[in-house]
Amino acid sequence: MKRFDYSFGDIRVIQMVTGQIQENAYLVIHKNGDSVLVDPGDNADEILEELYKEDARVLAILLTHAHFDHIGAVQHTREILECKVYLHEDAWTSYSRAHIAPTRYNLPFQQPEAPDEKLEVGNIQFGALEFTTLFTPGHAPGHLAIYSSAGFVLSGDALFAGSVGRTDIPGGDTELLLERIQTQLYTLPDNTVVLSGHGRDTTIGFEKASNPFTNR
């Protein structure tokens, strides 16, 4: 499993590329060890191995949305870590049906049990980690981006380097997605590092200036 490390002052972010669809899971670690795991999509044992290497104290599993490639390792990791799973309430229905898509493509998938808590829009805190969740549906119902004033945003599948999330799938809405990117993501500081659900990192300023899907 490929991993990439980012440093933002007192916070480190470890990107772990998981599964056949190459989904990016993230471990966000404060210097004191307080951590959250975001979008554990696959390769649960390898994700846990990375957590053990870092001696991370995982306080929660946060989900940007409920597509199968972002939640395939949720059940195993939550059981081992003994922490709660948080997801916006608008995504709970699609979460419960996540097993349907991988079945069609004959992909391995473990349907996780229901989330534990609703992930609300606004300011959230887990130990020393503070975030602001931004409501960014359009790719998927109840999609959230997770912003840290330390200088990064976990954009899930809303915004990518040079692209945006698919909208030709159930729950997709192109105009809503573009509007949310403009009002929720492009209003962040230009130097904010965008860590997406797939692919490489970018910045808000670069995407505002060059992303062909949002500069039409």
N, C-alpha and C. Protein backbone atom coordinates (compact mmCIF):
# COMPACT_ATOMS: atom_id res chain seq x y z
N MET A 1 0.84 -1.20 0.00
CA MET A 1 0.00 0.00 0.00
C MET A 1 0.88 1.25 0.00
N LYS A 2 0.68 2.14 -0.96
CA LYS A 2 1.45 3.37 -1.03
C LYS A 2 1.00 4.32 0.08
N ARG A 3 1.97 5.10 0.60
CA ARG A 3 1.63 6.12 1.59
C ARG A 3 2.43 7.38 1.29
N PHE A 4 1.83 8.52 1.64
CA PHE A 4 2.48 9.81 1.46
C PHE A 4 2.26 10.61 2.74
N ASP A 5 3.28 11.34 3.15
CA ASP A 5 3.22 12.09 4.40
C ASP A 5 3.21 13.59 4.13
N TYR A 6 2.38 14.30 4.89
CA TYR A 6 2.29 15.75 4.82
C TYR A 6 2.43 16.31 6.23
N SER A 7 3.04 17.49 6.33
CA SER A 7 3.22 18.14 7.63
C SER A 7 2.60 19.52 7.60
N PHE A 8 1.79 19.82 8.62
CA PHE A 8 1.13 21.12 8.75
C PHE A 8 1.28 21.58 10.20
N GLY A 9 2.44 22.08 10.54
CA GLY A 9 2.67 22.53 11.90
C GLY A 9 2.60 21.38 12.89
N ASP A 10 1.67 21.47 13.83
CA ASP A 10 1.51 20.44 14.86
C ASP A 10 0.79 19.20 14.35
N ILE A 11 0.36 19.22 13.09
CA ILE A 11 -0.45 18.13 12.54
C ILE A 11 0.28 17.47 11.38
N ARG A 12 0.26 16.15 11.37
CA ARG A 12 0.73 15.37 10.23
C ARG A 12 -0.46 14.66 9.61
N VAL A 13 -0.42 14.52 8.30
CA VAL A 13 -1.46 13.78 7.58
C VAL A 13 -0.77 12.68 6.79
N ILE A 14 -1.21 11.45 7.00
CA ILE A 14 -0.67 10.31 6.26
C ILE A 14 -1.75 9.84 5.28
N GLN A 15 -1.40 9.87 4.01
CA GLN A 15 -2.30 9.40 2.96
C GLN A 15 -1.97 7.95 2.64
N MET A 16 -2.98 7.09 2.66
CA MET A 16 -2.80 5.67 2.36
C MET A 16 -3.68 5.31 1.18
N VAL A 17 -3.08 4.81 0.11
CA VAL A 17 -3.81 4.50 -1.12
C VAL A 17 -4.32 3.06 -1.02
N THR A 18 -5.65 2.89 -1.04
CA THR A 18 -6.24 1.59 -0.73
C THR A 18 -7.05 1.03 -1.89
N GLY A 19 -7.06 -0.31 -1.97
CA GLY A 19 -8.00 -1.03 -2.82
C GLY A 19 -7.73 -0.94 -4.31
N GLN A 20 -8.56 -1.68 -5.06
CA GLN A 20 -8.42 -1.71 -6.51
C GLN A 20 -8.77 -0.38 -7.17
N ILE A 21 -9.57 0.43 -6.48
CA ILE A 21 -9.98 1.72 -7.04
C ILE A 21 -9.02 2.83 -6.61
N GLN A 22 -7.98 2.49 -5.84
CA GLN A 22 -6.95 3.45 -5.44
C GLN A 22 -7.55 4.65 -4.71
N GLU A 23 -8.31 4.33 -3.69
CA GLU A 23 -8.94 5.37 -2.85
C GLU A 23 -7.95 5.83 -1.79
N ASN A 24 -7.99 7.11 -1.48
CA ASN A 24 -7.10 7.67 -0.47
C ASN A 24 -7.78 7.71 0.90
N ALA A 25 -7.25 6.92 1.82
CA ALA A 25 -7.63 7.03 3.23
C ALA A 25 -6.61 7.93 3.92
N TYR A 26 -7.01 8.58 5.01
CA TYR A 26 -6.13 9.52 5.69
C TYR A 26 -6.11 9.29 7.19
N LEU A 27 -4.91 9.36 7.75
CA LEU A 27 -4.74 9.42 9.19
C LEU A 27 -4.24 10.81 9.53
N VAL A 28 -5.00 11.54 10.33
CA VAL A 28 -4.64 12.90 10.74
C VAL A 28 -4.18 12.82 12.20
N ILE A 29 -2.93 13.22 12.45
CA ILE A 29 -2.32 13.02 13.76
C ILE A 29 -1.82 14.35 14.34
N HIS A 30 -2.31 14.69 15.51
CA HIS A 30 -1.73 15.82 16.25
C HIS A 30 -0.43 15.37 16.89
N LYS A 31 0.46 16.31 17.18
CA LYS A 31 1.76 15.95 17.76
C LYS A 31 1.63 15.25 19.10
N ASN A 32 0.48 15.40 19.79
CA ASN A 32 0.29 14.72 21.07
C ASN A 32 -0.25 13.30 20.92
N GLY A 33 -0.50 12.87 19.67
CA GLY A 33 -0.99 11.52 19.42
C GLY A 33 -2.46 11.42 19.12
N ASP A 34 -3.24 12.46 19.45
CA ASP A 34 -4.67 12.44 19.12
C ASP A 34 -4.83 12.34 17.61
N SER A 35 -5.70 11.43 17.15
CA SER A 35 -5.80 11.16 15.71
C SER A 35 -7.24 10.87 15.31
N VAL A 36 -7.51 11.07 14.02
CA VAL A 36 -8.75 10.58 13.41
C VAL A 36 -8.37 9.85 12.13
N LEU A 37 -9.16 8.85 11.81
CA LEU A 37 -9.01 8.09 10.57
C LEU A 37 -10.15 8.50 9.65
N VAL A 38 -9.81 8.88 8.42
CA VAL A 38 -10.82 9.39 7.49
C VAL A 38 -10.90 8.47 6.27
N ASP A 39 -12.11 8.02 5.97
CA ASP A 39 -12.40 7.24 4.76
C ASP A 39 -11.53 5.98 4.60
N PRO A 40 -11.55 5.08 5.56
CA PRO A 40 -10.82 3.82 5.37
C PRO A 40 -11.53 2.94 4.35
N GLY A 41 -11.03 2.95 3.12
CA GLY A 41 -11.76 2.35 2.01
C GLY A 41 -11.52 0.87 1.80
N ASP A 42 -10.31 0.39 2.12
CA ASP A 42 -9.96 -1.01 1.88
C ASP A 42 -8.65 -1.27 2.61
N ASN A 43 -8.15 -2.52 2.50
CA ASN A 43 -6.85 -2.88 3.09
C ASN A 43 -6.79 -2.55 4.59
N ALA A 44 -7.79 -3.03 5.32
CA ALA A 44 -7.90 -2.70 6.74
C ALA A 44 -6.65 -3.07 7.52
N ASP A 45 -6.12 -4.25 7.31
CA ASP A 45 -4.95 -4.69 8.07
C ASP A 45 -3.74 -3.80 7.81
N GLU A 46 -3.57 -3.37 6.56
CA GLU A 46 -2.45 -2.50 6.24
C GLU A 46 -2.64 -1.11 6.84
N ILE A 47 -3.88 -0.62 6.85
CA ILE A 47 -4.16 0.66 7.51
C ILE A 47 -3.82 0.56 8.99
N LEU A 48 -4.25 -0.50 9.63
CA LEU A 48 -3.97 -0.67 11.06
C LEU A 48 -2.48 -0.76 11.33
N GLU A 49 -1.76 -1.41 10.43
CA GLU A 49 -0.31 -1.50 10.60
C GLU A 49 0.33 -0.12 10.57
N GLU A 50 -0.14 0.75 9.67
CA GLU A 50 0.37 2.12 9.62
C GLU A 50 0.05 2.87 10.91
N LEU A 51 -1.15 2.66 11.44
CA LEU A 51 -1.54 3.31 12.69
C LEU A 51 -0.65 2.87 13.84
N TYR A 52 -0.34 1.58 13.88
CA TYR A 52 0.52 1.07 14.94
C TYR A 52 1.93 1.64 14.84
N LYS A 53 2.42 1.79 13.61
CA LYS A 53 3.75 2.38 13.42
C LYS A 53 3.81 3.79 13.99
N GLU A 54 2.71 4.52 13.84
CA GLU A 54 2.67 5.91 14.29
C GLU A 54 2.30 6.04 15.76
N ASP A 55 1.91 4.93 16.38
CA ASP A 55 1.43 4.96 17.76
C ASP A 55 0.30 5.98 17.91
N ALA A 56 -0.61 5.96 16.91
CA ALA A 56 -1.70 6.93 16.87
C ALA A 56 -2.82 6.52 17.82
N ARG A 57 -3.37 7.48 18.52
CA ARG A 57 -4.51 7.28 19.40
C ARG A 57 -5.76 7.73 18.63
N VAL A 58 -6.39 6.80 17.92
CA VAL A 58 -7.50 7.15 17.03
C VAL A 58 -8.77 7.37 17.84
N LEU A 59 -9.31 8.58 17.77
CA LEU A 59 -10.48 8.96 18.55
C LEU A 59 -11.79 8.80 17.79
N ALA A 60 -11.72 8.72 16.45
CA ALA A 60 -12.94 8.61 15.65
C ALA A 60 -12.59 8.22 14.23
N ILE A 61 -13.55 7.61 13.55
CA ILE A 61 -13.49 7.38 12.11
C ILE A 61 -14.49 8.34 11.47
N LEU A 62 -13.99 9.21 10.61
CA LEU A 62 -14.83 10.20 9.94
C LEU A 62 -14.97 9.83 8.47
N LEU A 63 -16.18 9.94 7.94
CA LEU A 63 -16.44 9.59 6.55
C LEU A 63 -16.91 10.82 5.78
N THR A 64 -16.27 11.09 4.64
CA THR A 64 -16.71 12.21 3.82
C THR A 64 -18.02 11.88 3.11
N HIS A 65 -18.20 10.62 2.73
CA HIS A 65 -19.44 10.16 2.11
C HIS A 65 -19.46 8.64 2.18
N ALA A 66 -20.48 8.02 1.58
CA ALA A 66 -20.73 6.60 1.86
C ALA A 66 -20.56 5.68 0.66
N HIS A 67 -19.86 6.10 -0.37
CA HIS A 67 -19.61 5.18 -1.47
C HIS A 67 -18.71 4.05 -1.02
N PHE A 68 -18.90 2.87 -1.61
CA PHE A 68 -18.27 1.66 -1.11
C PHE A 68 -16.76 1.74 -1.05
N ASP A 69 -16.15 2.45 -2.00
CA ASP A 69 -14.68 2.50 -2.03
C ASP A 69 -14.10 3.37 -0.92
N HIS A 70 -14.96 4.04 -0.16
CA HIS A 70 -14.51 4.86 0.97
C HIS A 70 -14.83 4.23 2.33
N ILE A 71 -15.57 3.14 2.34
CA ILE A 71 -16.01 2.58 3.63
C ILE A 71 -15.73 1.08 3.77
N GLY A 72 -15.00 0.50 2.82
CA GLY A 72 -14.82 -0.95 2.83
C GLY A 72 -14.03 -1.49 4.01
N ALA A 73 -13.22 -0.64 4.65
CA ALA A 73 -12.43 -1.09 5.80
C ALA A 73 -12.99 -0.57 7.12
N VAL A 74 -14.18 0.02 7.08
CA VAL A 74 -14.76 0.62 8.28
C VAL A 74 -15.00 -0.41 9.38
N GLN A 75 -15.65 -1.51 9.04
CA GLN A 75 -16.06 -2.45 10.09
C GLN A 75 -14.87 -3.04 10.83
N HIS A 76 -13.87 -3.48 10.09
CA HIS A 76 -12.72 -4.11 10.74
C HIS A 76 -11.94 -3.10 11.58
N THR A 77 -11.72 -1.91 11.03
CA THR A 77 -10.94 -0.92 11.78
C THR A 77 -11.70 -0.43 13.00
N ARG A 78 -13.00 -0.24 12.91
CA ARG A 78 -13.76 0.24 14.08
C ARG A 78 -13.74 -0.79 15.20
N GLU A 79 -13.80 -2.08 14.84
CA GLU A 79 -13.78 -3.12 15.86
C GLU A 79 -12.44 -3.20 16.57
N ILE A 80 -11.37 -3.07 15.82
CA ILE A 80 -10.04 -3.14 16.41
C ILE A 80 -9.73 -1.87 17.21
N LEU A 81 -10.07 -0.72 16.66
CA LEU A 81 -9.75 0.55 17.30
C LEU A 81 -10.73 0.92 18.41
N GLU A 82 -11.91 0.30 18.39
CA GLU A 82 -12.96 0.57 19.38
C GLU A 82 -13.31 2.05 19.43
N CYS A 83 -13.55 2.60 18.24
CA CYS A 83 -13.95 4.01 18.17
C CYS A 83 -15.21 4.14 17.33
N LYS A 84 -15.85 5.29 17.44
CA LYS A 84 -17.12 5.52 16.76
C LYS A 84 -16.90 5.98 15.32
N VAL A 85 -17.93 5.71 14.51
CA VAL A 85 -17.95 6.10 13.09
C VAL A 85 -18.93 7.25 12.93
N TYR A 86 -18.48 8.32 12.26
CA TYR A 86 -19.28 9.53 12.07
C TYR A 86 -19.54 9.75 10.58
N LEU A 87 -20.81 10.04 10.25
CA LEU A 87 -21.22 10.26 8.86
C LEU A 87 -22.42 11.19 8.84
N HIS A 88 -22.47 12.11 7.88
CA HIS A 88 -23.62 13.02 7.78
C HIS A 88 -24.90 12.22 7.58
N GLU A 89 -25.97 12.66 8.22
CA GLU A 89 -27.22 11.89 8.20
C GLU A 89 -27.79 11.70 6.81
N ASP A 90 -27.55 12.61 5.88
CA ASP A 90 -28.07 12.46 4.52
C ASP A 90 -27.42 11.30 3.77
N ALA A 91 -26.31 10.80 4.30
CA ALA A 91 -25.59 9.71 3.64
C ALA A 91 -25.88 8.35 4.25
N TRP A 92 -26.69 8.29 5.29
CA TRP A 92 -26.90 7.02 5.98
C TRP A 92 -27.63 5.99 5.11
N THR A 93 -28.56 6.45 4.27
CA THR A 93 -29.28 5.51 3.40
C THR A 93 -28.33 4.90 2.37
N SER A 94 -27.53 5.73 1.71
CA SER A 94 -26.59 5.19 0.73
C SER A 94 -25.54 4.31 1.40
N TYR A 95 -25.17 4.62 2.62
CA TYR A 95 -24.25 3.79 3.40
C TYR A 95 -24.81 2.38 3.56
N SER A 96 -26.09 2.30 3.89
CA SER A 96 -26.72 0.99 4.13
C SER A 96 -26.82 0.17 2.85
N ARG A 97 -26.72 0.83 1.70
CA ARG A 97 -26.83 0.15 0.40
C ARG A 97 -25.49 0.06 -0.32
N ALA A 98 -24.41 0.34 0.38
CA ALA A 98 -23.10 0.42 -0.27
C ALA A 98 -22.67 -0.89 -0.89
N HIS A 99 -23.19 -2.00 -0.39
CA HIS A 99 -22.79 -3.32 -0.89
C HIS A 99 -23.28 -3.60 -2.31
N ILE A 100 -24.26 -2.84 -2.79
CA ILE A 100 -24.87 -3.14 -4.09
C ILE A 100 -23.87 -2.94 -5.24
N ALA A 101 -23.17 -1.80 -5.25
CA ALA A 101 -22.27 -1.49 -6.36
C ALA A 101 -21.11 -2.48 -6.49
N PRO A 102 -20.39 -2.82 -5.42
CA PRO A 102 -19.29 -3.78 -5.60
C PRO A 102 -19.76 -5.16 -6.02
N THR A 103 -20.98 -5.53 -5.64
CA THR A 103 -21.52 -6.82 -6.07
C THR A 103 -21.65 -6.88 -7.58
N ARG A 104 -22.07 -5.76 -8.18
CA ARG A 104 -22.22 -5.70 -9.63
C ARG A 104 -20.90 -5.94 -10.36
N TYR A 105 -19.82 -5.47 -9.73
CA TYR A 105 -18.50 -5.55 -10.37
C TYR A 105 -17.64 -6.68 -9.80
N ASN A 106 -18.26 -7.52 -8.99
CA ASN A 106 -17.57 -8.67 -8.40
C ASN A 106 -16.33 -8.25 -7.61
N LEU A 107 -16.47 -7.15 -6.86
CA LEU A 107 -15.38 -6.66 -6.02
C LEU A 107 -15.62 -7.08 -4.57
N PRO A 108 -14.59 -7.46 -3.85
CA PRO A 108 -14.77 -7.83 -2.45
C PRO A 108 -15.17 -6.61 -1.63
N PHE A 109 -16.10 -6.82 -0.69
CA PHE A 109 -16.58 -5.70 0.12
C PHE A 109 -17.26 -6.24 1.37
N GLN A 110 -16.95 -5.64 2.52
CA GLN A 110 -17.64 -5.97 3.76
C GLN A 110 -18.57 -4.81 4.12
N GLN A 111 -19.88 -5.07 4.08
CA GLN A 111 -20.83 -4.03 4.45
C GLN A 111 -20.70 -3.74 5.95
N PRO A 112 -20.35 -2.51 6.31
CA PRO A 112 -20.21 -2.20 7.73
C PRO A 112 -21.56 -2.00 8.42
N GLU A 113 -21.55 -2.20 9.72
CA GLU A 113 -22.73 -1.89 10.53
C GLU A 113 -22.97 -0.39 10.50
N ALA A 114 -24.13 0.02 10.95
CA ALA A 114 -24.55 1.42 10.86
C ALA A 114 -23.56 2.36 11.54
N PRO A 115 -23.47 3.60 11.07
CA PRO A 115 -22.62 4.59 11.76
C PRO A 115 -23.10 4.78 13.21
N ASP A 116 -22.22 5.31 14.01
CA ASP A 116 -22.56 5.53 15.42
C ASP A 116 -23.14 6.91 15.67
N GLU A 117 -22.63 7.91 14.94
CA GLU A 117 -23.00 9.29 15.20
C GLU A 117 -23.19 10.05 13.90
N LYS A 118 -24.03 11.09 13.94
CA LYS A 118 -24.19 11.99 12.80
C LYS A 118 -23.05 13.00 12.80
N LEU A 119 -22.43 13.15 11.66
CA LEU A 119 -21.37 14.13 11.49
C LEU A 119 -22.02 15.44 11.04
N GLU A 120 -22.01 16.41 11.93
CA GLU A 120 -22.72 17.65 11.67
C GLU A 120 -21.87 18.61 10.84
N VAL A 121 -22.55 19.57 10.21
CA VAL A 121 -21.86 20.62 9.48
C VAL A 121 -21.43 21.70 10.47
N GLY A 122 -20.17 22.11 10.37
CA GLY A 122 -19.67 23.15 11.27
C GLY A 122 -18.41 22.73 11.99
N ASN A 123 -18.17 23.30 13.14
CA ASN A 123 -16.95 23.05 13.88
C ASN A 123 -17.06 21.76 14.70
N ILE A 124 -16.02 20.93 14.59
CA ILE A 124 -15.98 19.68 15.34
C ILE A 124 -14.61 19.56 15.97
N GLN A 125 -14.53 18.78 17.05
CA GLN A 125 -13.25 18.63 17.75
C GLN A 125 -13.13 17.22 18.28
N PHE A 126 -11.96 16.64 18.12
CA PHE A 126 -11.63 15.34 18.68
C PHE A 126 -10.26 15.49 19.36
N GLY A 127 -10.27 15.55 20.66
CA GLY A 127 -9.04 15.81 21.39
C GLY A 127 -8.46 17.14 20.99
N ALA A 128 -7.19 17.14 20.58
CA ALA A 128 -6.52 18.38 20.18
C ALA A 128 -6.78 18.76 18.73
N LEU A 129 -7.51 17.93 18.00
CA LEU A 129 -7.77 18.19 16.59
C LEU A 129 -9.08 18.95 16.41
N GLU A 130 -9.01 20.05 15.70
CA GLU A 130 -10.20 20.85 15.41
C GLU A 130 -10.37 20.97 13.90
N PHE A 131 -11.61 20.80 13.45
CA PHE A 131 -11.92 20.87 12.02
C PHE A 131 -13.20 21.67 11.81
N THR A 132 -13.41 22.06 10.56
CA THR A 132 -14.70 22.58 10.12
C THR A 132 -15.18 21.70 8.98
N THR A 133 -16.38 21.15 9.13
CA THR A 133 -16.93 20.34 8.05
C THR A 133 -17.75 21.24 7.13
N LEU A 134 -17.56 21.04 5.83
CA LEU A 134 -18.20 21.85 4.80
C LEU A 134 -19.15 20.96 4.00
N PHE A 135 -20.37 21.41 3.80
CA PHE A 135 -21.39 20.60 3.15
C PHE A 135 -21.20 20.69 1.64
N THR A 136 -20.76 19.57 1.02
CA THR A 136 -20.39 19.57 -0.39
C THR A 136 -21.04 18.42 -1.16
N PRO A 137 -22.38 18.28 -1.11
CA PRO A 137 -23.03 17.23 -1.91
C PRO A 137 -22.96 17.56 -3.40
N GLY A 138 -23.40 16.60 -4.19
CA GLY A 138 -23.38 16.75 -5.65
C GLY A 138 -22.77 15.51 -6.26
N HIS A 139 -21.67 15.03 -5.69
CA HIS A 139 -21.13 13.72 -6.06
C HIS A 139 -21.90 12.62 -5.35
N ALA A 140 -22.26 12.89 -4.09
CA ALA A 140 -22.97 11.90 -3.27
C ALA A 140 -23.80 12.63 -2.23
N PRO A 141 -24.93 12.06 -1.83
CA PRO A 141 -25.75 12.68 -0.78
C PRO A 141 -24.96 12.78 0.53
N GLY A 142 -25.12 13.89 1.22
CA GLY A 142 -24.50 14.05 2.52
C GLY A 142 -22.99 14.16 2.49
N HIS A 143 -22.43 14.51 1.36
CA HIS A 143 -20.97 14.61 1.23
C HIS A 143 -20.46 15.80 2.04
N LEU A 144 -19.38 15.57 2.79
CA LEU A 144 -18.72 16.63 3.55
C LEU A 144 -17.25 16.70 3.17
N ALA A 145 -16.70 17.90 3.17
CA ALA A 145 -15.26 18.10 3.14
C ALA A 145 -14.84 18.48 4.56
N ILE A 146 -13.61 18.12 4.92
CA ILE A 146 -13.13 18.33 6.29
C ILE A 146 -11.93 19.28 6.23
N TYR A 147 -12.13 20.49 6.74
CA TYR A 147 -11.12 21.55 6.63
C TYR A 147 -10.40 21.76 7.96
N SER A 148 -9.09 21.94 7.89
CA SER A 148 -8.28 22.30 9.05
C SER A 148 -7.61 23.64 8.79
N SER A 149 -7.70 24.54 9.74
CA SER A 149 -7.05 25.85 9.59
C SER A 149 -5.53 25.72 9.61
N ALA A 150 -5.02 24.52 9.90
CA ALA A 150 -3.58 24.28 9.80
C ALA A 150 -3.11 24.38 8.35
N GLY A 151 -4.08 24.25 7.39
CA GLY A 151 -3.71 24.49 6.01
C GLY A 151 -4.09 23.42 5.01
N PHE A 152 -5.07 22.59 5.34
CA PHE A 152 -5.45 21.54 4.39
C PHE A 152 -6.95 21.27 4.47
N VAL A 153 -7.48 20.67 3.42
CA VAL A 153 -8.86 20.22 3.38
C VAL A 153 -8.90 18.83 2.79
N LEU A 154 -9.59 17.93 3.46
CA LEU A 154 -9.85 16.59 2.93
C LEU A 154 -11.14 16.71 2.14
N SER A 155 -11.01 16.73 0.82
CA SER A 155 -12.14 17.09 -0.03
C SER A 155 -12.99 15.90 -0.45
N GLY A 156 -12.62 14.68 -0.02
CA GLY A 156 -13.39 13.52 -0.44
C GLY A 156 -13.40 13.43 -1.96
N ASP A 157 -14.57 13.16 -2.53
CA ASP A 157 -14.69 13.05 -3.98
C ASP A 157 -15.40 14.26 -4.59
N ALA A 158 -15.37 15.39 -3.89
CA ALA A 158 -15.96 16.61 -4.46
C ALA A 158 -15.00 17.26 -5.45
N LEU A 159 -13.76 17.47 -5.01
CA LEU A 159 -12.78 18.20 -5.82
C LEU A 159 -11.49 17.39 -5.90
N PHE A 160 -10.97 17.25 -7.13
CA PHE A 160 -9.70 16.58 -7.38
C PHE A 160 -8.73 17.54 -8.07
N ALA A 161 -7.49 17.11 -8.18
CA ALA A 161 -6.52 17.87 -8.98
C ALA A 161 -6.95 17.81 -10.44
N GLY A 162 -7.40 18.93 -10.96
CA GLY A 162 -7.79 19.03 -12.36
C GLY A 162 -9.14 18.42 -12.69
N SER A 163 -9.93 18.07 -11.69
CA SER A 163 -11.20 17.42 -11.97
C SER A 163 -12.15 17.62 -10.79
N VAL A 164 -13.35 17.04 -10.93
CA VAL A 164 -14.36 17.06 -9.86
C VAL A 164 -15.00 15.68 -9.79
N GLY A 165 -15.80 15.47 -8.78
CA GLY A 165 -16.44 14.17 -8.60
C GLY A 165 -17.45 13.85 -9.69
N ARG A 166 -17.61 12.56 -9.95
CA ARG A 166 -18.62 12.11 -10.92
C ARG A 166 -20.02 12.47 -10.44
N THR A 167 -20.88 12.78 -11.39
CA THR A 167 -22.28 13.05 -11.05
C THR A 167 -23.24 12.18 -11.87
N ASP A 168 -22.69 11.23 -12.66
CA ASP A 168 -23.52 10.36 -13.48
C ASP A 168 -23.83 9.06 -12.73
N ILE A 169 -24.03 9.17 -11.44
CA ILE A 169 -24.32 8.02 -10.57
C ILE A 169 -25.47 8.41 -9.67
N PRO A 170 -26.14 7.43 -9.04
CA PRO A 170 -27.28 7.76 -8.16
C PRO A 170 -26.91 8.80 -7.11
N GLY A 171 -27.74 9.83 -7.00
CA GLY A 171 -27.49 10.91 -6.05
C GLY A 171 -26.62 12.01 -6.59
N GLY A 172 -26.17 11.88 -7.85
CA GLY A 172 -25.30 12.89 -8.45
C GLY A 172 -26.08 14.10 -8.94
N ASP A 173 -25.47 15.27 -8.84
CA ASP A 173 -26.10 16.51 -9.27
C ASP A 173 -24.99 17.49 -9.66
N THR A 174 -24.78 17.66 -10.96
CA THR A 174 -23.65 18.45 -11.43
C THR A 174 -23.71 19.89 -10.96
N GLU A 175 -24.85 20.54 -11.15
CA GLU A 175 -24.96 21.95 -10.79
C GLU A 175 -24.78 22.16 -9.29
N LEU A 176 -25.32 21.25 -8.49
CA LEU A 176 -25.15 21.36 -7.04
C LEU A 176 -23.68 21.20 -6.66
N LEU A 177 -23.02 20.23 -7.26
CA LEU A 177 -21.60 20.01 -6.95
C LEU A 177 -20.78 21.25 -7.27
N LEU A 178 -20.96 21.81 -8.46
CA LEU A 178 -20.19 22.98 -8.85
C LEU A 178 -20.49 24.18 -7.95
N GLU A 179 -21.74 24.33 -7.57
CA GLU A 179 -22.10 25.43 -6.68
C GLU A 179 -21.45 25.27 -5.31
N ARG A 180 -21.41 24.04 -4.81
CA ARG A 180 -20.80 23.77 -3.50
C ARG A 180 -19.28 23.97 -3.55
N ILE A 181 -18.66 23.58 -4.65
CA ILE A 181 -17.22 23.81 -4.79
C ILE A 181 -16.93 25.31 -4.75
N GLN A 182 -17.73 26.08 -5.49
CA GLN A 182 -17.50 27.52 -5.54
C GLN A 182 -17.72 28.19 -4.19
N THR A 183 -18.77 27.79 -3.47
CA THR A 183 -19.14 28.50 -2.24
C THR A 183 -18.52 27.93 -0.98
N GLN A 184 -18.14 26.67 -1.00
CA GLN A 184 -17.60 26.04 0.21
C GLN A 184 -16.09 25.79 0.14
N LEU A 185 -15.59 25.41 -1.02
CA LEU A 185 -14.17 25.08 -1.14
C LEU A 185 -13.35 26.25 -1.70
N TYR A 186 -13.85 26.89 -2.75
CA TYR A 186 -13.08 27.98 -3.36
C TYR A 186 -13.08 29.24 -2.51
N THR A 187 -13.79 29.26 -1.41
CA THR A 187 -13.72 30.38 -0.48
C THR A 187 -12.66 30.16 0.60
N LEU A 188 -12.00 29.01 0.60
CA LEU A 188 -10.90 28.75 1.52
C LEU A 188 -9.65 29.50 1.02
N PRO A 189 -8.66 29.71 1.90
CA PRO A 189 -7.43 30.38 1.45
C PRO A 189 -6.79 29.66 0.26
N ASP A 190 -6.23 30.43 -0.66
CA ASP A 190 -5.67 29.86 -1.88
C ASP A 190 -4.56 28.84 -1.62
N ASN A 191 -3.82 29.01 -0.51
CA ASN A 191 -2.71 28.10 -0.23
C ASN A 191 -3.14 26.84 0.50
N THR A 192 -4.45 26.65 0.69
CA THR A 192 -4.96 25.44 1.33
C THR A 192 -4.63 24.22 0.46
N VAL A 193 -4.00 23.23 1.05
CA VAL A 193 -3.67 22.00 0.33
C VAL A 193 -4.92 21.12 0.26
N VAL A 194 -5.25 20.69 -0.94
CA VAL A 194 -6.41 19.83 -1.16
C VAL A 194 -5.94 18.38 -1.20
N LEU A 195 -6.42 17.59 -0.26
CA LEU A 195 -6.12 16.16 -0.20
C LEU A 195 -7.41 15.42 -0.54
N SER A 196 -7.44 14.84 -1.73
CA SER A 196 -8.68 14.31 -2.30
C SER A 196 -8.86 12.82 -2.01
N GLY A 197 -10.04 12.33 -2.38
CA GLY A 197 -10.36 10.92 -2.20
C GLY A 197 -9.66 10.00 -3.18
N HIS A 198 -9.11 10.56 -4.25
CA HIS A 198 -8.36 9.79 -5.25
C HIS A 198 -7.32 10.73 -5.85
N GLY A 199 -6.18 10.20 -6.20
CA GLY A 199 -5.18 10.97 -6.92
C GLY A 199 -4.31 11.85 -6.05
N ARG A 200 -3.61 12.77 -6.71
CA ARG A 200 -2.58 13.58 -6.06
C ARG A 200 -3.17 14.81 -5.39
N ASP A 201 -2.32 15.47 -4.61
CA ASP A 201 -2.73 16.70 -3.93
C ASP A 201 -2.68 17.88 -4.89
N THR A 202 -3.32 18.96 -4.48
CA THR A 202 -3.31 20.21 -5.23
C THR A 202 -3.54 21.34 -4.23
N THR A 203 -3.83 22.53 -4.70
CA THR A 203 -4.19 23.62 -3.81
C THR A 203 -5.47 24.29 -4.30
N ILE A 204 -6.13 24.96 -3.39
CA ILE A 204 -7.35 25.68 -3.76
C ILE A 204 -7.05 26.72 -4.83
N GLY A 205 -5.98 27.49 -4.66
CA GLY A 205 -5.65 28.53 -5.62
C GLY A 205 -5.40 27.98 -7.00
N PHE A 206 -4.68 26.86 -7.08
CA PHE A 206 -4.38 26.27 -8.39
C PHE A 206 -5.66 25.80 -9.08
N GLU A 207 -6.55 25.17 -8.33
CA GLU A 207 -7.79 24.68 -8.94
C GLU A 207 -8.70 25.83 -9.35
N LYS A 208 -8.77 26.87 -8.55
CA LYS A 208 -9.58 28.03 -8.92
C LYS A 208 -9.12 28.62 -10.26
N ALA A 209 -7.81 28.59 -10.47
CA ALA A 209 -7.25 29.20 -11.68
C ALA A 209 -7.28 28.29 -12.89
N SER A 210 -7.27 26.97 -12.67
CA SER A 210 -7.02 26.08 -13.82
C SER A 210 -7.94 24.89 -13.99
N ASN A 211 -8.75 24.58 -12.99
CA ASN A 211 -9.59 23.38 -13.11
C ASN A 211 -10.61 23.57 -14.25
N PRO A 212 -10.57 22.72 -15.27
CA PRO A 212 -11.43 22.94 -16.44
C PRO A 212 -12.91 22.71 -16.15
N PHE A 213 -13.24 21.98 -15.09
CA PHE A 213 -14.64 21.71 -14.78
C PHE A 213 -15.30 22.84 -14.02
N THR A 214 -14.51 23.65 -13.33
CA THR A 214 -15.08 24.75 -12.56
C THR A 214 -14.80 26.10 -13.20
N ASN A 215 -14.09 26.10 -14.31
CA ASN A 215 -13.81 27.35 -15.03
C ASN A 215 -14.38 27.26 -16.44
N ARG A 216 -15.68 27.08 -16.50
CA ARG A 216 -16.33 26.91 -17.79
C ARG A 216 -16.95 28.22 -18.26
